[in-house]
All heavy atoms as atom14 arrays in JSON, in Angstrom:
{
  "sequence": "LLSSFTGSCDSDLLKFNQLKFRKKKLKFCKSH",
  "atom14_mask": [
    [1, 1, 1, 1, 1, 1, 1, 1, 0, 0, 0, 0, 0, 0],
    [1, 1, 1, 1, 1, 1, 1, 1, 0, 0, 0, 0, 0, 0],
    [1, 1, 1, 1, 1, 1, 0, 0, 0, 0, 0, 0, 0, 0],
    [1, 1, 1, 1, 1, 1, 0, 0, 0, 0, 0, 0, 0, 0],
    [1, 1, 1, 1, 1, 1, 1, 1, 1, 1, 1, 0, 0, 0],
    [1, 1, 1, 1, 1, 1, 1, 0, 0, 0, 0, 0, 0, 0],
    [1, 1, 1, 1, 0, 0, 0, 0, 0, 0, 0, 0, 0, 0],
    [1, 1, 1, 1, 1, 1, 0, 0, 0, 0, 0, 0, 0, 0],
    [1, 1, 1, 1, 1, 1, 0, 0, 0, 0, 0, 0, 0, 0],
    [1, 1, 1, 1, 1, 1, 1, 1, 0, 0, 0, 0, 0, 0],
    [1, 1, 1, 1, 1, 1, 0, 0, 0, 0, 0, 0, 0, 0],
    [1, 1, 1, 1, 1, 1, 1, 1, 0, 0, 0, 0, 0, 0],
    [1, 1, 1, 1, 1, 1, 1, 1, 0, 0, 0, 0, 0, 0],
    [1, 1, 1, 1, 1, 1, 1, 1, 0, 0, 0, 0, 0, 0],
    [1, 1, 1, 1, 1, 1, 1, 1, 1, 0, 0, 0, 0, 0],
    [1, 1, 1, 1, 1, 1, 1, 1, 1, 1, 1, 0, 0, 0],
    [1, 1, 1, 1, 1, 1, 1, 1, 0, 0, 0, 0, 0, 0],
    [1, 1, 1, 1, 1, 1, 1, 1, 1, 0, 0, 0, 0, 0],
    [1, 1, 1, 1, 1, 1, 1, 1, 0, 0, 0, 0, 0, 0],
    [1, 1, 1, 1, 1, 1, 1, 1, 1, 0, 0, 0, 0, 0],
    [1, 1, 1, 1, 1, 1, 1, 1, 1, 1, 1, 0, 0, 0],
    [1, 1, 1, 1, 1, 1, 1, 1, 1, 1, 1, 0, 0, 0],
    [1, 1, 1, 1, 1, 1, 1, 1, 1, 0, 0, 0, 0, 0],
    [1, 1, 1, 1, 1, 1, 1, 1, 1, 0, 0, 0, 0, 0],
    [1, 1, 1, 1, 1, 1, 1, 1, 1, 0, 0, 0, 0, 0],
    [1, 1, 1, 1, 1, 1, 1, 1, 0, 0, 0, 0, 0, 0],
    [1, 1, 1, 1, 1, 1, 1, 1, 1, 0, 0, 0, 0, 0],
    [1, 1, 1, 1, 1, 1, 1, 1, 1, 1, 1, 0, 0, 0],
    [1, 1, 1, 1, 1, 1, 0, 0, 0, 0, 0, 0, 0, 0],
    [1, 1, 1, 1, 1, 1, 1, 1, 1, 0, 0, 0, 0, 0],
    [1, 1, 1, 1, 1, 1, 0, 0, 0, 0, 0, 0, 0, 0],
    [1, 1, 1, 1, 1, 1, 1, 1, 1, 1, 0, 0, 0, 0]
  ],
  "atom14_positions": [
    [[-8.3, 10.83, -8.9], [-7.49, 11.69, -7.95], [-6.12, 11.08, -7.69], [-5.14, 11.77, -7.73], [-8.26, 11.91, -6.66], [-9.4, 12.87, -6.67], [-10.11, 12.96, -5.26], [-8.92, 14.32, -6.88], [0.0, 0.0, 0.0], [0.0, 0.0, 0.0], [0.0, 0.0, 0.0], [0.0, 0.0, 0.0], [0.0, 0.0, 0.0], [0.0, 0.0, 0.0]],
    [[-6.15, 9.87, -7.47], [-4.82, 9.11, -7.23], [-4.02, 9.2, -8.48], [-2.74, 9.51, -8.28], [-5.12, 7.64, -6.92], [-5.66, 7.35, -5.47], [-5.94, 5.9, -5.36], [-4.59, 7.83, -4.37], [0.0, 0.0, 0.0], [0.0, 0.0, 0.0], [0.0, 0.0, 0.0], [0.0, 0.0, 0.0], [0.0, 0.0, 0.0], [0.0, 0.0, 0.0]],
    [[-4.47, 9.02, -9.57], [-3.69, 9.15, -10.82], [-3.18, 10.54, -11.06], [-2.18, 10.72, -11.62], [-4.5, 8.58, -12.08], [-5.7, 9.42, -12.28], [0.0, 0.0, 0.0], [0.0, 0.0, 0.0], [0.0, 0.0, 0.0], [0.0, 0.0, 0.0], [0.0, 0.0, 0.0], [0.0, 0.0, 0.0], [0.0, 0.0, 0.0], [0.0, 0.0, 0.0]],
    [[-4.02, 11.52, -10.75], [-3.6, 12.84, -10.97], [-2.56, 13.38, -9.91], [-1.7, 14.19, -10.21], [-4.81, 13.92, -10.84], [-5.31, 13.78, -9.65], [0.0, 0.0, 0.0], [0.0, 0.0, 0.0], [0.0, 0.0, 0.0], [0.0, 0.0, 0.0], [0.0, 0.0, 0.0], [0.0, 0.0, 0.0], [0.0, 0.0, 0.0], [0.0, 0.0, 0.0]],
    [[-2.57, 12.73, -8.72], [-1.63, 13.09, -7.71], [-0.27, 12.38, -7.85], [0.7, 12.73, -7.16], [-2.18, 12.82, -6.37], [-3.23, 13.78, -5.9], [-4.19, 13.41, -4.91], [-3.3, 15.08, -6.46], [-5.15, 14.3, -4.58], [-4.27, 15.93, -6.07], [-5.2, 15.51, -5.15], [0.0, 0.0, 0.0], [0.0, 0.0, 0.0], [0.0, 0.0, 0.0]],
    [[-0.21, 11.31, -8.63], [0.99, 10.44, -8.65], [2.16, 11.19, -9.08], [3.34, 11.01, -8.59], [0.76, 9.25, -9.66], [-0.44, 8.58, -9.19], [1.89, 8.28, -9.64], [0.0, 0.0, 0.0], [0.0, 0.0, 0.0], [0.0, 0.0, 0.0], [0.0, 0.0, 0.0], [0.0, 0.0, 0.0], [0.0, 0.0, 0.0], [0.0, 0.0, 0.0]],
    [[2.05, 12.14, -10.03], [3.15, 12.86, -10.58], [3.64, 13.89, -9.55], [4.81, 14.23, -9.52], [0.0, 0.0, 0.0], [0.0, 0.0, 0.0], [0.0, 0.0, 0.0], [0.0, 0.0, 0.0], [0.0, 0.0, 0.0], [0.0, 0.0, 0.0], [0.0, 0.0, 0.0], [0.0, 0.0, 0.0], [0.0, 0.0, 0.0], [0.0, 0.0, 0.0]],
    [[2.77, 14.46, -8.68], [3.15, 15.58, -7.82], [3.46, 15.19, -6.34], [4.24, 15.7, -5.73], [2.11, 16.66, -7.7], [0.81, 15.99, -7.39], [0.0, 0.0, 0.0], [0.0, 0.0, 0.0], [0.0, 0.0, 0.0], [0.0, 0.0, 0.0], [0.0, 0.0, 0.0], [0.0, 0.0, 0.0], [0.0, 0.0, 0.0], [0.0, 0.0, 0.0]],
    [[2.84, 14.03, -5.9], [2.94, 13.61, -4.44], [3.93, 12.41, -4.5], [4.27, 11.79, -5.41], [1.66, 13.21, -3.91], [0.54, 14.6, -3.78], [0.0, 0.0, 0.0], [0.0, 0.0, 0.0], [0.0, 0.0, 0.0], [0.0, 0.0, 0.0], [0.0, 0.0, 0.0], [0.0, 0.0, 0.0], [0.0, 0.0, 0.0], [0.0, 0.0, 0.0]],
    [[4.37, 12.11, -3.27], [5.24, 10.99, -3.06], [4.46, 9.68, -3.28], [3.43, 9.47, -2.64], [5.85, 10.96, -1.67], [6.93, 9.95, -1.48], [7.23, 9.3, -2.42], [7.4, 9.86, -0.32], [0.0, 0.0, 0.0], [0.0, 0.0, 0.0], [0.0, 0.0, 0.0], [0.0, 0.0, 0.0], [0.0, 0.0, 0.0], [0.0, 0.0, 0.0]],
    [[4.95, 8.8, -4.08], [4.25, 7.49, -4.34], [4.24, 6.65, -3.23], [3.24, 5.83, -3.02], [4.88, 6.8, -5.57], [6.14, 6.45, -5.22], [0.0, 0.0, 0.0], [0.0, 0.0, 0.0], [0.0, 0.0, 0.0], [0.0, 0.0, 0.0], [0.0, 0.0, 0.0], [0.0, 0.0, 0.0], [0.0, 0.0, 0.0], [0.0, 0.0, 0.0]],
    [[5.11, 6.73, -2.29], [5.21, 5.9, -1.09], [4.05, 6.29, -0.18], [3.46, 5.39, 0.39], [6.48, 6.14, -0.26], [7.73, 5.43, -0.97], [7.46, 4.49, -1.7], [8.85, 5.95, -0.78], [0.0, 0.0, 0.0], [0.0, 0.0, 0.0], [0.0, 0.0, 0.0], [0.0, 0.0, 0.0], [0.0, 0.0, 0.0], [0.0, 0.0, 0.0]],
    [[3.73, 7.52, -0.1], [2.56, 8.01, 0.68], [1.29, 7.36, 0.18], [0.31, 6.91, 0.94], [2.53, 9.41, 0.86], [1.47, 10.07, 1.63], [1.45, 9.62, 3.12], [1.47, 11.58, 1.57], [0.0, 0.0, 0.0], [0.0, 0.0, 0.0], [0.0, 0.0, 0.0], [0.0, 0.0, 0.0], [0.0, 0.0, 0.0], [0.0, 0.0, 0.0]],
    [[1.09, 7.47, -1.1], [-0.15, 6.91, -1.76], [-0.23, 5.41, -1.47], [-1.31, 4.95, -1.18], [-0.12, 7.23, -3.18], [-0.24, 8.7, -3.63], [-0.18, 8.87, -5.11], [-1.6, 9.24, -3.24], [0.0, 0.0, 0.0], [0.0, 0.0, 0.0], [0.0, 0.0, 0.0], [0.0, 0.0, 0.0], [0.0, 0.0, 0.0], [0.0, 0.0, 0.0]],
    [[0.89, 4.66, -1.63], [0.85, 3.24, -1.4], [0.55, 2.98, 0.04], [-0.11, 1.99, 0.28], [2.23, 2.67, -1.81], [2.53, 2.64, -3.28], [3.88, 2.02, -3.61], [4.1, 1.91, -5.09], [5.53, 1.37, -5.38], [0.0, 0.0, 0.0], [0.0, 0.0, 0.0], [0.0, 0.0, 0.0], [0.0, 0.0, 0.0], [0.0, 0.0, 0.0]],
    [[1.09, 3.74, 0.99], [0.84, 3.51, 2.4], [-0.65, 3.72, 2.72], [-1.14, 2.89, 3.44], [1.75, 4.39, 3.2], [1.61, 4.19, 4.71], [2.26, 3.07, 5.23], [0.84, 5.0, 5.48], [2.21, 2.87, 6.63], [0.75, 4.76, 6.84], [1.39, 3.64, 7.48], [0.0, 0.0, 0.0], [0.0, 0.0, 0.0], [0.0, 0.0, 0.0]],
    [[-1.23, 4.73, 2.13], [-2.71, 4.92, 2.29], [-3.5, 3.82, 1.81], [-4.46, 3.31, 2.36], [-3.12, 6.23, 1.72], [-2.56, 7.4, 2.45], [-2.32, 7.34, 3.63], [-2.38, 8.58, 1.77], [0.0, 0.0, 0.0], [0.0, 0.0, 0.0], [0.0, 0.0, 0.0], [0.0, 0.0, 0.0], [0.0, 0.0, 0.0], [0.0, 0.0, 0.0]],
    [[-3.07, 3.27, 0.63], [-3.82, 2.11, 0.06], [-3.55, 0.91, 0.92], [-4.53, 0.13, 1.02], [-3.3, 1.85, -1.39], [-3.67, 2.96, -2.46], [-3.04, 2.7, -3.75], [-2.15, 1.96, -3.91], [-3.54, 3.46, -4.76], [0.0, 0.0, 0.0], [0.0, 0.0, 0.0], [0.0, 0.0, 0.0], [0.0, 0.0, 0.0], [0.0, 0.0, 0.0]],
    [[-2.36, 0.74, 1.41], [-2.08, -0.4, 2.37], [-3.01, -0.47, 3.57], [-3.46, -1.51, 4.02], [-0.71, -0.43, 2.69], [-0.21, -1.58, 3.63], [-0.22, -2.95, 2.9], [1.24, -1.28, 4.12], [0.0, 0.0, 0.0], [0.0, 0.0, 0.0], [0.0, 0.0, 0.0], [0.0, 0.0, 0.0], [0.0, 0.0, 0.0], [0.0, 0.0, 0.0]],
    [[-3.37, 0.76, 4.11], [-4.13, 0.92, 5.27], [-5.56, 0.48, 5.01], [-6.15, -0.26, 5.84], [-4.16, 2.27, 5.83], [-2.87, 2.75, 6.38], [-2.9, 4.22, 6.76], [-3.93, 4.57, 7.85], [-3.94, 5.98, 8.24], [0.0, 0.0, 0.0], [0.0, 0.0, 0.0], [0.0, 0.0, 0.0], [0.0, 0.0, 0.0], [0.0, 0.0, 0.0]],
    [[-6.08, 0.67, 3.77], [-7.43, 0.35, 3.5], [-7.55, -1.03, 2.84], [-8.6, -1.7, 2.86], [-8.09, 1.4, 2.7], [-8.22, 2.69, 3.35], [-7.41, 3.74, 3.0], [-9.26, 2.86, 4.27], [-7.56, 5.02, 3.69], [-9.32, 4.13, 5.06], [-8.52, 5.19, 4.71], [0.0, 0.0, 0.0], [0.0, 0.0, 0.0], [0.0, 0.0, 0.0]],
    [[-6.5, -1.48, 2.17], [-6.48, -2.82, 1.49], [-5.27, -3.54, 1.93], [-4.17, -3.59, 1.29], [-6.48, -2.56, -0.01], [-6.27, -3.79, -0.85], [-7.39, -4.89, -0.71], [-7.13, -6.06, -1.49], [-6.31, -7.05, -1.18], [-5.79, -7.15, 0.01], [-6.08, -8.15, -1.98], [0.0, 0.0, 0.0], [0.0, 0.0, 0.0], [0.0, 0.0, 0.0]],
    [[-5.35, -4.21, 3.06], [-4.24, -4.91, 3.62], [-4.05, -6.3, 2.88], [-5.1, -6.9, 2.46], [-4.43, -5.31, 5.06], [-4.48, -3.97, 6.0], [-4.61, -4.36, 7.48], [-4.61, -3.05, 8.3], [-4.73, -3.34, 9.7], [0.0, 0.0, 0.0], [0.0, 0.0, 0.0], [0.0, 0.0, 0.0], [0.0, 0.0, 0.0], [0.0, 0.0, 0.0]],
    [[-2.76, -6.7, 2.71], [-2.43, -7.91, 2.05], [-2.9, -9.04, 2.93], [-2.79, -8.92, 4.15], [-0.93, -8.04, 1.77], [-0.48, -6.97, 0.68], [-0.94, -7.28, -0.63], [-0.34, -6.31, -1.71], [-0.64, -4.95, -1.52], [0.0, 0.0, 0.0], [0.0, 0.0, 0.0], [0.0, 0.0, 0.0], [0.0, 0.0, 0.0], [0.0, 0.0, 0.0]],
    [[-3.36, -10.17, 2.27], [-3.7, -11.35, 3.03], [-2.5, -12.16, 3.32], [-1.86, -12.75, 2.42], [-4.64, -12.11, 2.21], [-6.05, -11.47, 1.96], [-6.98, -12.38, 1.22], [-8.32, -11.66, 0.98], [-9.24, -12.49, 0.16], [0.0, 0.0, 0.0], [0.0, 0.0, 0.0], [0.0, 0.0, 0.0], [0.0, 0.0, 0.0], [0.0, 0.0, 0.0]],
    [[-2.2, -12.23, 4.66], [-0.99, -12.91, 5.14], [-1.36, -13.82, 6.28], [-2.36, -13.59, 6.92], [0.08, -11.91, 5.55], [0.5, -10.84, 4.6], [1.29, -9.78, 5.18], [1.24, -11.35, 3.33], [0.0, 0.0, 0.0], [0.0, 0.0, 0.0], [0.0, 0.0, 0.0], [0.0, 0.0, 0.0], [0.0, 0.0, 0.0], [0.0, 0.0, 0.0]],
    [[-0.52, -14.8, 6.54], [-0.72, -15.73, 7.67], [0.68, -16.12, 8.17], [1.67, -16.08, 7.47], [-1.47, -16.97, 7.27], [-0.71, -17.86, 6.22], [-1.49, -19.19, 6.01], [-0.68, -20.09, 5.02], [-1.45, -21.29, 4.7], [0.0, 0.0, 0.0], [0.0, 0.0, 0.0], [0.0, 0.0, 0.0], [0.0, 0.0, 0.0], [0.0, 0.0, 0.0]],
    [[0.73, -16.36, 9.47], [2.03, -16.91, 10.12], [1.79, -18.34, 10.52], [0.73, -18.72, 11.07], [2.38, -16.05, 11.27], [1.55, -16.27, 12.54], [1.97, -17.09, 13.54], [0.32, -15.55, 12.76], [1.26, -17.3, 14.63], [-0.39, -15.68, 13.87], [0.11, -16.58, 14.85], [0.0, 0.0, 0.0], [0.0, 0.0, 0.0], [0.0, 0.0, 0.0]],
    [[2.83, -19.1, 10.2], [2.83, -20.63, 10.58], [4.24, -21.06, 10.61], [5.22, -20.3, 10.46], [1.98, -21.37, 9.62], [2.48, -21.19, 7.87], [0.0, 0.0, 0.0], [0.0, 0.0, 0.0], [0.0, 0.0, 0.0], [0.0, 0.0, 0.0], [0.0, 0.0, 0.0], [0.0, 0.0, 0.0], [0.0, 0.0, 0.0], [0.0, 0.0, 0.0]],
    [[4.4, -22.27, 10.89], [5.75, -22.86, 11.09], [6.51, -22.75, 9.89], [6.13, -22.91, 8.73], [5.65, -24.33, 11.52], [5.29, -24.62, 12.92], [6.41, -24.11, 13.88], [6.05, -24.35, 15.38], [7.21, -23.93, 16.26], [0.0, 0.0, 0.0], [0.0, 0.0, 0.0], [0.0, 0.0, 0.0], [0.0, 0.0, 0.0], [0.0, 0.0, 0.0]],
    [[7.84, -22.31, 9.99], [8.74, -22.03, 8.91], [9.89, -22.95, 8.91], [10.29, -23.48, 9.97], [9.27, -20.62, 8.96], [10.38, -20.42, 8.08], [0.0, 0.0, 0.0], [0.0, 0.0, 0.0], [0.0, 0.0, 0.0], [0.0, 0.0, 0.0], [0.0, 0.0, 0.0], [0.0, 0.0, 0.0], [0.0, 0.0, 0.0], [0.0, 0.0, 0.0]],
    [[10.32, -23.34, 7.66], [11.58, -24.26, 7.56], [12.79, -23.54, 7.87], [13.88, -24.15, 7.97], [11.54, -24.86, 6.18], [11.91, -23.92, 5.1], [10.89, -23.12, 4.59], [13.06, -23.64, 4.47], [11.43, -22.4, 3.64], [12.75, -22.67, 3.55], [0.0, 0.0, 0.0], [0.0, 0.0, 0.0], [0.0, 0.0, 0.0], [0.0, 0.0, 0.0]]
  ]
}
């Protein structure tokens, strides 16, 4: 479904939906 919608829907919206379900692994700590 995602591959079929890529051509017709906004790719940013698809990426945002994927980001909600698959969040990147990040951490905050002291920075230089």
